[in-house]
Protein backbone atom coordinates (compact mmCIF):
# COMPACT_ATOMS: atom_id res chain seq x y z
CA MET A 1 -35.47 -80.17 24.23
CA HIS A 2 -38.56 -82.41 24.35
CA THR A 3 -41.23 -82.44 27.04
CA TYR A 4 -42.46 -85.85 28.18
CA ILE A 5 -45.01 -87.05 30.69
CA ALA A 6 -44.27 -90.27 32.58
CA LEU A 7 -47.22 -91.91 34.35
CA LEU A 8 -46.06 -94.52 36.84
CA ARG A 9 -48.60 -97.14 37.80
CA GLY A 10 -49.29 -98.14 41.39
CA ILE A 11 -47.12 -95.59 43.18
CA ASN A 12 -48.01 -95.00 46.85
CA VAL A 13 -51.18 -97.10 46.62
CA GLY A 14 -52.22 -99.36 49.46
CA GLY A 15 -48.83 -99.15 51.13
CA ASN A 16 -47.06 -100.51 48.03
CA ASN A 17 -44.35 -98.94 45.87
CA ILE A 18 -43.79 -96.14 48.35
CA ILE A 19 -41.74 -93.50 46.58
CA LYS A 20 -41.44 -89.95 47.85
CA MET A 21 -41.85 -87.47 45.03
CA ALA A 22 -38.72 -85.59 46.11
CA ASP A 23 -36.76 -88.86 45.76
CA LEU A 24 -38.35 -89.52 42.38
CA ARG A 25 -37.39 -86.04 41.14
CA ASP A 26 -33.87 -86.49 42.49
CA CYS A 27 -33.52 -89.87 40.77
CA LEU A 28 -34.57 -88.50 37.40
CA GLN A 29 -32.54 -85.30 37.69
CA SER A 30 -29.46 -87.37 38.55
CA LYS A 31 -29.96 -89.19 35.22
CA GLY A 32 -29.76 -85.88 33.36
CA TYR A 33 -33.43 -85.08 32.83
CA ARG A 34 -34.26 -81.42 33.20
CA ASN A 35 -37.15 -79.43 34.66
CA VAL A 36 -38.43 -82.57 36.43
CA GLN A 37 -41.78 -81.88 38.10
CA THR A 38 -44.19 -84.18 39.88
CA TYR A 39 -47.87 -83.76 40.60
CA ILE A 40 -49.49 -85.29 43.68
CA GLN A 41 -48.13 -88.52 45.15
CA SER A 42 -49.25 -90.97 42.46
CA GLY A 43 -46.33 -90.93 40.04
CA ASN A 44 -47.16 -88.16 37.58
CA VAL A 45 -43.92 -86.76 36.18
CA VAL A 46 -43.22 -84.03 33.64
CA LEU A 47 -39.63 -83.88 32.44
CA GLN A 48 -37.51 -82.64 29.60
CA SER A 49 -34.95 -84.60 27.64
CA ASP A 50 -32.88 -84.26 24.49
CA GLU A 51 -33.84 -87.84 23.63
CA GLU A 52 -36.16 -88.03 20.62
CA ASN A 53 -36.68 -91.79 20.71
CA ARG A 54 -39.53 -92.46 23.14
CA ASP A 55 -38.77 -96.19 23.43
CA LEU A 56 -35.15 -95.52 24.33
CA LEU A 57 -36.19 -92.89 26.87
CA LEU A 58 -38.76 -95.27 28.37
CA ASP A 59 -36.11 -97.98 28.74
CA GLU A 60 -33.80 -95.47 30.47
CA LEU A 61 -36.57 -94.33 32.84
CA GLN A 62 -37.64 -97.84 33.73
CA SER A 63 -34.03 -98.88 34.32
CA ALA A 64 -33.48 -95.89 36.65
CA LEU A 65 -36.68 -96.67 38.56
CA ARG A 66 -35.79 -100.37 38.94
CA SER A 67 -32.28 -99.53 40.07
CA ARG A 68 -33.20 -96.84 42.60
CA PHE A 69 -36.62 -97.99 43.87
CA ASP A 70 -36.95 -101.64 42.80
CA TYR A 71 -39.99 -100.47 40.84
CA HIS A 72 -41.20 -102.91 38.17
CA ASN A 73 -44.70 -101.69 37.21
CA PRO A 74 -45.53 -100.32 33.77
CA VAL A 75 -44.73 -96.73 32.94
CA VAL A 76 -46.76 -94.94 30.28
CA LEU A 77 -44.64 -92.32 28.54
CA LEU A 78 -46.28 -89.58 26.48
CA ARG A 79 -44.89 -86.75 24.42
CA PHE A 80 -46.38 -83.34 25.20
CA ASN A 81 -48.31 -83.26 21.91
CA GLU A 82 -49.84 -86.67 22.68
CA LEU A 83 -51.19 -85.43 26.02
CA GLU A 84 -52.44 -82.32 24.25
CA HIS A 85 -54.44 -84.58 21.89
CA VAL A 86 -55.86 -86.50 24.86
CA ILE A 87 -57.29 -83.20 26.12
CA LYS A 88 -58.40 -81.80 22.77
CA ASP A 89 -59.83 -85.04 21.38
CA ALA A 90 -61.96 -85.91 24.42
CA PRO A 91 -65.62 -86.65 23.63
CA ASP A 92 -67.89 -83.60 23.51
CA GLY A 93 -68.80 -82.53 27.03
CA TYR A 94 -66.35 -84.94 28.65
CA GLY A 95 -65.60 -83.73 32.17
CA ASP A 96 -68.32 -81.08 32.14
CA ASP A 97 -70.73 -82.71 34.58
CA ASP A 98 -68.58 -83.75 37.55
CA GLU A 99 -71.55 -83.52 39.92
CA ILE A 100 -73.21 -86.44 38.12
CA TYR A 101 -70.26 -88.41 36.70
CA LYS A 102 -66.71 -89.47 37.52
CA TYR A 103 -64.34 -89.14 34.57
CA ASP A 104 -61.22 -91.26 34.17
CA VAL A 105 -58.62 -91.65 31.45
CA LEU A 106 -57.13 -95.10 30.92
CA TYR A 107 -53.66 -94.46 29.48
CA LEU A 108 -52.50 -97.35 27.32
CA LYS A 109 -48.88 -98.47 27.33
CA HIS A 110 -47.42 -98.33 23.83
CA PRO A 111 -47.85 -100.31 21.56
CA LEU A 112 -51.38 -101.15 22.86
CA THR A 113 -53.97 -99.08 21.00
CA ALA A 114 -57.48 -98.01 21.94
CA PRO A 115 -59.13 -100.12 19.18
CA GLU A 116 -57.26 -103.19 20.51
CA ALA A 117 -58.16 -102.46 24.15
CA ILE A 118 -61.77 -101.23 23.98
CA ASP A 119 -63.38 -104.69 23.81
CA ASP A 120 -61.64 -105.68 27.05
CA ILE A 121 -62.84 -102.63 28.97
CA PRO A 122 -65.87 -103.61 31.06
CA VAL A 123 -68.91 -101.32 31.12
CA ARG A 124 -72.32 -101.66 32.72
CA GLU A 125 -75.31 -100.27 30.85
CA ASP A 126 -76.75 -97.10 32.44
CA VAL A 127 -73.69 -96.81 34.70
CA ASP A 128 -70.54 -96.70 32.56
CA LEU A 129 -69.53 -95.45 29.14
CA ALA A 130 -66.18 -95.88 27.40
CA TRP A 131 -64.81 -94.18 24.29
CA GLU A 132 -61.67 -94.75 22.26
CA GLY A 133 -59.20 -91.91 22.16
CA PRO A 134 -55.62 -91.23 21.03
CA GLY A 135 -53.72 -93.85 23.05
CA VAL A 136 -56.37 -93.79 25.76
CA ILE A 137 -59.81 -94.96 26.72
CA TYR A 138 -62.08 -92.25 28.13
CA TYR A 139 -64.27 -93.70 30.88
CA ARG A 140 -67.31 -92.14 32.54
CA ARG A 141 -69.08 -93.56 35.62
CA SER A 142 -72.33 -92.49 37.21
CA SER A 143 -71.59 -90.97 40.63
CA ASP A 144 -74.89 -92.32 41.98
CA HIS A 145 -73.93 -95.88 41.03
CA LEU A 146 -70.19 -96.07 41.66
CA SER A 147 -70.56 -99.40 43.48
CA LYS A 148 -72.15 -100.84 40.32
CA SER A 149 -69.46 -99.53 37.98
CA MET A 150 -67.45 -102.15 36.14
CA LEU A 151 -64.25 -100.10 36.41
CA ASN A 152 -63.42 -101.94 39.64
CA LYS A 153 -63.43 -105.21 37.61
CA LEU A 154 -60.73 -103.92 35.27
CA PRO A 155 -57.73 -105.03 37.41
CA SER A 156 -58.77 -108.66 36.96
CA ARG A 157 -58.40 -108.40 33.17
CA PRO A 158 -55.08 -108.95 31.36
CA VAL A 159 -55.38 -105.62 29.52
CA TYR A 160 -55.01 -103.83 32.88
CA GLN A 161 -51.33 -104.79 32.95
CA GLN A 162 -50.77 -102.45 29.99
CA MET A 163 -52.33 -99.26 31.34
CA THR A 164 -52.53 -96.75 34.13
CA ILE A 165 -55.53 -94.64 35.12
CA ARG A 166 -55.81 -90.97 36.01
CA ASN A 167 -58.94 -88.95 36.65
CA TRP A 168 -59.84 -86.12 34.31
CA ARG A 169 -58.92 -83.40 36.79
CA THR A 170 -55.43 -84.88 37.24
CA THR A 171 -55.07 -85.26 33.47
CA ASN A 172 -55.82 -81.56 32.98
CA LYS A 173 -53.47 -80.49 35.77
CA ILE A 174 -50.61 -82.57 34.33
CA PHE A 175 -51.30 -81.01 30.94
CA GLU A 176 -51.08 -77.49 32.41
CA ILE A 177 -47.75 -78.33 34.08
CA ALA A 178 -46.41 -79.82 30.83
CA LYS A 179 -47.66 -76.87 28.79
CA GLU A 180 -45.89 -74.44 31.09
CA SER A 181 -42.76 -76.59 31.01
CA SER A 182 -42.69 -76.82 27.21
CA GLY A 183 -42.84 -73.05 27.02
């Protein structure tokens, strides 16, 4: 049994792609996935499957979501050990100063890699910093200058179509759920 994390982009945002988490769990359980758990209303799913091929599993998930919810946005699918590396390989001190900074993780849809994406990630000097990570870009914004952050410019860039964003707190909570699930 393999533990996976599915991050759905654009769920329950701005009145679009409204999907109740109970319905999402039911959809995935009806397809044979086990121990399906969701976290908050933004499409964070931990599930277990016998399927070893991530691409095949991703195709199955996306097909189920299209069929049941008419959902067509990208889904980022991670294995448990990949999410574990996102946590462990974060830059030194990342997430430690949440009074001064906002921390986000830009999850890249396979096969896009951090070295390929980093040049398209906008940053403003003295406001934003971005680091490459394992299948992610770590992003830090100054809380005092959020209106000046370039992160809000990201949706206008083509690379945005191949990612989804979660804050650091959510990333850690999903990891804890997945860790418990993987036993």
